[in-house]
Protein backbone atom coordinates (compact mmCIF):
# COMPACT_ATOMS: atom_id res chain seq x y z
CA MET A 1 56.20 -124.09 46.63
CA LYS A 2 56.06 -120.59 46.17
CA ALA A 3 52.71 -120.34 45.25
CA ALA A 4 51.73 -122.73 48.84
CA ILE A 5 53.86 -120.37 50.76
CA ALA A 6 52.02 -116.96 49.04
CA LEU A 7 49.19 -118.49 49.85
CA ALA A 8 49.52 -119.66 53.62
CA ALA A 9 50.51 -116.07 53.76
CA MET A 10 47.81 -114.82 52.16
CA VAL A 11 45.33 -116.78 54.76
CA ALA A 12 47.36 -115.97 57.46
CA VAL A 13 46.78 -112.28 56.81
CA ALA A 14 43.05 -112.35 56.18
CA HIS A 15 42.67 -113.43 59.61
CA ALA A 16 43.20 -110.17 60.85
CA ASP A 17 41.37 -108.41 57.91
CA PRO A 18 39.08 -110.66 55.74
CA ASP A 19 38.07 -107.84 53.67
CA ARG A 20 40.92 -107.75 51.71
CA LEU A 21 41.31 -110.95 50.43
CA TYR A 22 39.82 -111.92 47.06
CA VAL A 23 39.38 -114.84 44.45
CA ARG A 24 38.46 -115.34 41.01
CA ALA A 25 37.82 -118.75 39.79
CA GLY A 26 37.55 -119.98 35.81
CA VAL A 27 39.59 -121.42 33.45
CA VAL A 28 43.24 -120.55 31.73
CA HIS A 29 44.26 -121.48 28.51
CA VAL A 30 48.10 -121.45 28.06
CA THR A 31 50.10 -121.15 24.93
CA TRP A 32 53.71 -121.90 24.86
CA LEU A 33 55.53 -119.15 22.53
CA SER A 34 58.49 -121.93 22.66
CA GLN A 35 61.75 -121.78 20.76
CA SER A 36 63.90 -124.78 21.03
CA HIS A 37 67.38 -125.67 20.07
CA GLU A 38 68.30 -128.54 17.71
CA LEU A 39 68.15 -131.96 19.52
CA ALA A 40 71.20 -133.34 20.29
CA LEU A 41 72.30 -136.99 20.16
CA SER A 42 75.67 -137.78 22.69
CA GLY A 43 76.87 -141.51 23.82
CA VAL A 44 76.52 -142.80 20.71
CA SER A 45 78.31 -145.99 20.44
CA GLY A 46 78.51 -149.52 18.99
CA PRO A 47 76.30 -150.17 15.72
CA ALA A 48 74.40 -147.15 15.87
CA SER A 49 77.61 -145.21 14.98
CA LEU A 50 77.44 -146.56 11.73
CA ALA A 51 74.51 -144.46 11.03
CA ILE A 52 74.50 -141.37 13.55
CA SER A 53 76.85 -139.67 15.45
CA ASP A 54 77.07 -137.04 18.29
CA GLY A 55 76.09 -133.67 18.00
CA PRO A 56 72.66 -131.67 16.70
CA ILE A 57 70.20 -133.21 14.24
CA ALA A 58 70.03 -130.82 11.73
CA GLY A 59 66.46 -128.79 11.36
CA SER A 60 65.61 -130.75 14.58
CA GLY A 61 62.86 -128.93 17.11
CA THR A 62 60.16 -129.28 19.28
CA ALA A 63 57.03 -127.83 20.48
CA ILE A 64 54.50 -127.82 23.58
CA ALA A 65 50.67 -128.42 22.80
CA PRO A 66 48.42 -126.09 24.26
CA VAL A 67 46.69 -126.61 27.47
CA THR A 68 43.53 -125.11 28.76
CA THR A 69 42.25 -126.07 32.47
CA PRO A 70 40.33 -124.91 35.55
CA ALA A 71 42.29 -122.11 37.41
CA VAL A 72 41.66 -120.09 40.69
CA ILE A 73 43.44 -116.03 41.22
CA VAL A 74 44.03 -115.96 45.03
CA GLY A 75 44.87 -112.31 45.86
CA TYR A 76 45.20 -109.71 49.05
CA VAL A 77 45.09 -105.88 48.74
CA LEU A 78 47.75 -104.36 50.66
CA PRO A 79 47.38 -101.40 52.93
CA VAL A 80 49.23 -99.33 51.05
CA ALA A 81 48.79 -96.56 48.03
CA GLY A 82 45.03 -96.57 48.69
CA ASP A 83 44.65 -99.95 48.45
CA ARG A 84 45.94 -100.27 44.93
CA VAL A 85 48.52 -102.62 45.53
CA ALA A 86 47.82 -106.34 45.75
CA ILE A 87 49.89 -109.63 45.77
CA GLU A 88 48.19 -112.68 43.64
CA THR A 89 49.23 -116.23 42.91
CA VAL A 90 47.31 -118.93 40.75
CA LEU A 91 46.35 -122.35 42.14
CA GLY A 92 45.03 -125.09 39.81
CA ALA A 93 45.22 -128.52 38.80
CA PRO A 94 48.61 -129.64 37.55
CA LEU A 95 49.26 -129.02 33.80
CA HIS A 96 49.68 -131.66 31.68
CA VAL A 97 52.16 -131.22 29.31
CA ARG A 98 52.63 -132.97 25.83
CA PHE A 99 55.65 -132.39 23.80
CA ARG A 100 55.66 -132.44 19.76
CA ALA A 101 58.66 -132.94 17.57
CA THR A 102 58.78 -130.61 14.66
CA GLY A 103 60.77 -130.17 11.75
CA ARG A 104 63.20 -132.87 10.63
CA LEU A 105 62.59 -135.00 14.18
CA ALA A 106 59.23 -135.11 12.42
CA ASP A 107 59.19 -136.18 9.30
CA THR A 108 62.56 -137.94 8.93
CA SER A 109 64.22 -140.98 10.06
CA ILE A 110 66.90 -140.06 12.84
CA ALA A 111 69.21 -142.77 11.46
CA PRO A 112 67.62 -143.54 7.55
CA MET A 113 70.75 -145.69 6.42
CA ALA A 114 73.94 -147.53 7.69
CA LEU A 115 76.71 -148.08 5.49
CA GLY A 116 74.60 -147.37 2.45
CA LEU A 117 72.02 -149.88 3.51
CA PRO A 118 68.26 -148.87 5.06
CA THR A 119 67.99 -149.31 8.60
CA GLY A 120 64.24 -149.79 8.35
CA ILE A 121 63.75 -147.05 11.45
CA PRO A 122 60.92 -144.80 10.50
CA ALA A 123 60.31 -141.13 11.31
CA LEU A 124 59.50 -140.45 14.59
CA GLY A 125 56.16 -138.16 14.11
CA ALA A 126 54.69 -135.49 15.87
CA ASN A 127 54.05 -137.31 19.35
CA LEU A 128 57.38 -137.50 22.07
CA GLY A 129 56.27 -137.34 25.36
CA GLU A 130 54.16 -135.93 28.53
CA ALA A 131 54.73 -134.50 31.70
CA ASP A 132 52.97 -133.34 34.29
CA ALA A 133 53.83 -129.60 35.37
CA ALA A 134 53.39 -127.68 38.54
CA PRO A 135 53.60 -123.72 37.67
CA PRO A 136 53.60 -121.73 40.85
CA ILE A 137 53.28 -118.12 39.95
CA VAL A 138 53.29 -115.01 42.40
CA THR A 139 52.46 -111.42 40.83
CA ALA A 140 52.52 -108.15 42.65
CA VAL A 141 49.96 -105.91 40.63
CA TYR A 142 48.82 -102.62 40.45
CA ARG A 143 45.27 -101.18 39.90
CA LEU A 144 46.00 -98.67 37.50
CA VAL A 145 42.91 -96.76 36.41
CA ASP A 146 38.83 -96.97 37.51
CA LEU A 147 36.71 -96.29 34.51
CA GLY A 148 33.14 -96.53 36.68
CA PRO A 149 32.44 -100.42 37.28
CA ALA A 150 35.76 -101.21 35.55
CA HIS A 151 39.23 -101.17 36.30
CA ALA A 152 42.52 -101.86 34.63
CA TYR A 153 46.05 -103.01 36.73
CA ALA A 154 49.28 -104.63 35.34
CA GLY A 155 51.71 -106.20 37.53
CA GLY A 156 55.09 -108.82 37.51
CA GLY A 157 56.58 -111.42 39.19
CA LEU A 158 58.31 -114.53 39.35
CA ALA A 159 57.32 -117.84 37.94
CA ALA A 160 58.95 -121.60 37.30
CA LEU A 161 57.79 -124.50 35.77
CA ILE A 162 58.63 -127.86 37.64
CA THR A 163 57.58 -131.16 36.16
CA TYR A 164 57.17 -134.31 37.30
CA ASN A 165 56.05 -138.04 35.77
CA ALA A 166 57.93 -137.24 32.80
CA HIS A 167 57.88 -139.85 29.93
CA ALA A 168 58.23 -140.91 26.55
CA THR A 169 55.11 -141.63 24.82
CA ASN A 170 56.89 -141.93 20.78
CA PRO A 171 56.27 -145.30 19.54
CA VAL A 172 59.37 -145.37 17.98
CA LEU A 173 61.39 -144.75 21.00
CA THR A 174 59.29 -146.91 23.18
CA GLU A 175 58.98 -149.95 21.16
CA VAL A 176 62.01 -151.68 22.55
CA ALA A 177 62.43 -150.42 25.98
CA GLN A 178 60.92 -147.01 28.05
CA PRO A 179 63.73 -144.54 28.11
CA THR A 180 64.19 -142.13 31.34
CA PHE A 181 62.85 -138.83 30.69
CA HIS A 182 63.95 -135.93 32.77
CA ILE A 183 63.59 -132.09 32.66
CA ASP A 184 64.75 -129.55 35.03
CA PRO A 185 63.11 -126.79 36.65
CA ALA A 186 62.72 -123.98 34.69
CA PRO A 187 62.19 -120.25 36.34
CA GLY A 188 61.10 -117.43 34.59
CA LEU A 189 59.77 -113.40 35.07
CA VAL A 190 56.11 -112.69 34.59
CA VAL A 191 54.76 -109.74 33.29
CA GLN A 192 51.03 -109.41 34.03
CA ALA A 193 47.89 -106.86 32.97
CA GLY A 194 44.40 -107.25 32.89
CA VAL A 195 40.41 -105.67 33.62
CA GLU A 196 37.94 -106.35 36.13
CA LEU A 197 34.52 -105.64 35.89
CA ARG A 198 32.55 -104.72 39.29
CA LEU A 199 29.31 -106.98 38.89
CA TRP A 200 27.61 -106.27 41.94
CA SER A 201 28.60 -105.73 45.71
CA ARG A 202 31.52 -108.11 46.20
CA VAL A 203 31.15 -109.58 42.99
CA ALA A 204 33.59 -109.09 40.22
CA ALA A 205 34.42 -110.79 36.59
CA ARG A 206 38.14 -110.65 35.47
CA LEU A 207 39.96 -111.29 32.02
CA ASP A 208 43.99 -111.69 32.79
CA LEU A 209 47.29 -111.90 30.70
CA LYS A 210 50.07 -113.47 31.94
CA TYR A 211 53.65 -113.55 30.01
CA VAL A 212 56.50 -115.41 31.13
CA ALA A 213 59.54 -114.43 29.97
CA LEU A 214 63.40 -116.01 29.89
CA MET A 215 61.72 -119.41 31.06
CA LYS A 216 64.33 -121.76 29.60
CA ALA A 217 63.86 -125.77 29.83
CA HIS A 218 66.42 -128.42 29.91
CA ALA A 219 65.44 -131.85 28.90
CA ALA A 220 67.06 -135.08 28.77
CA VAL A 221 65.98 -138.81 27.31
CA ASP A 222 68.36 -141.52 28.30
CA GLY A 223 68.69 -144.98 27.05
CA ILE A 224 67.39 -144.61 23.77
CA ARG A 225 66.99 -147.93 21.84
CA VAL A 226 65.57 -148.42 18.75
CA ARG A 227 64.32 -151.32 16.01
CA THR A 228 66.37 -151.43 12.97
CA PRO A 229 64.19 -153.79 11.04
CA ALA A 230 66.35 -153.84 7.59
CA LEU A 231 69.35 -154.48 9.24
CA PRO A 232 70.02 -158.16 8.76
CA LEU A 233 72.52 -158.32 11.79
CA PHE A 234 70.84 -155.79 14.04
CA ASP A 235 68.01 -156.21 15.42
CA THR A 236 67.90 -153.23 17.97
CA VAL A 237 70.44 -150.58 18.59
CA ASP A 238 71.49 -148.21 21.59
CA VAL A 239 71.12 -144.63 20.42
CA GLY A 240 72.51 -143.05 23.51
CA THR A 241 71.15 -139.75 24.87
CA ALA A 242 69.26 -137.47 23.48
CA THR A 243 69.10 -133.86 24.70
CA LEU A 244 67.10 -130.69 24.09
CA ASP A 245 67.29 -127.10 25.10
CA MET A 246 63.89 -124.70 24.74
CA TRP A 247 62.48 -121.09 25.59
CA ILE A 248 59.59 -122.27 26.77
CA ASN A 249 57.63 -118.95 27.87
CA PRO A 250 53.90 -119.11 28.24
CA LEU A 251 51.49 -117.02 27.30
CA ALA A 252 48.22 -117.45 30.01
CA VAL A 253 44.95 -116.09 29.30
CA GLN A 254 42.68 -116.35 32.08
CA ILE A 255 38.51 -115.68 32.46
CA GLY A 256 36.99 -115.55 35.95
CA ILE A 257 34.39 -114.55 38.19
CA GLY A 258 34.78 -114.18 42.21
CA VAL A 259 34.15 -112.56 45.42
CA GLU A 260 36.07 -110.56 48.13
CA LEU A 261 36.00 -112.71 51.00
């Protein structure tokens, strides 16, 4: 939403002075410098309480797989500071985010034994879930120095990660029923730097780096029910709810080429 508002404002202003509007189309690669807390269970009851209990699963964690996608930087040069300040946003297709289990969560059963008997519940493996994400970003950048046809710039701004269509994809968690997967919006602060090279006339190439700090996501998987093939009295058990907090902190490297409009 912030990106859409910023773009609308840029287009409106560009009608008055189109020479100040610019675009840079290319691809962006996003690496998630994530750190997660241990996955925690709550609402464990009934037969499941014979094998597990409420609280964190020691040694568990999650990570997010890198993403590469087409993206366009749209900017507007403000008529201040000798035309060295611009406002930018990034437009592109939604990011398809894949969550991965790490540590004990991936390679060890969450409930291997119950009353001294094996449950038959396997390890989850790496695959946890997927979601689509709209990451609105708005930054202000300042052209630091001109070196012939090239110039370096730096800036900062605001970002958010807004997810939708989140769903569990792990075969152990979805074998009996599809649990509900929800991820809260995650705001963050952006630090930006890069370099542009003037190729000719109005055409320029760009290498852009953005790091989003202080972006913390809270995820919850509700209604988890798993099969217990080794227990003679119970075919399935209700595990309850799993919650996870993680610092996402994406690092985005974007290359592109474009024109001043």
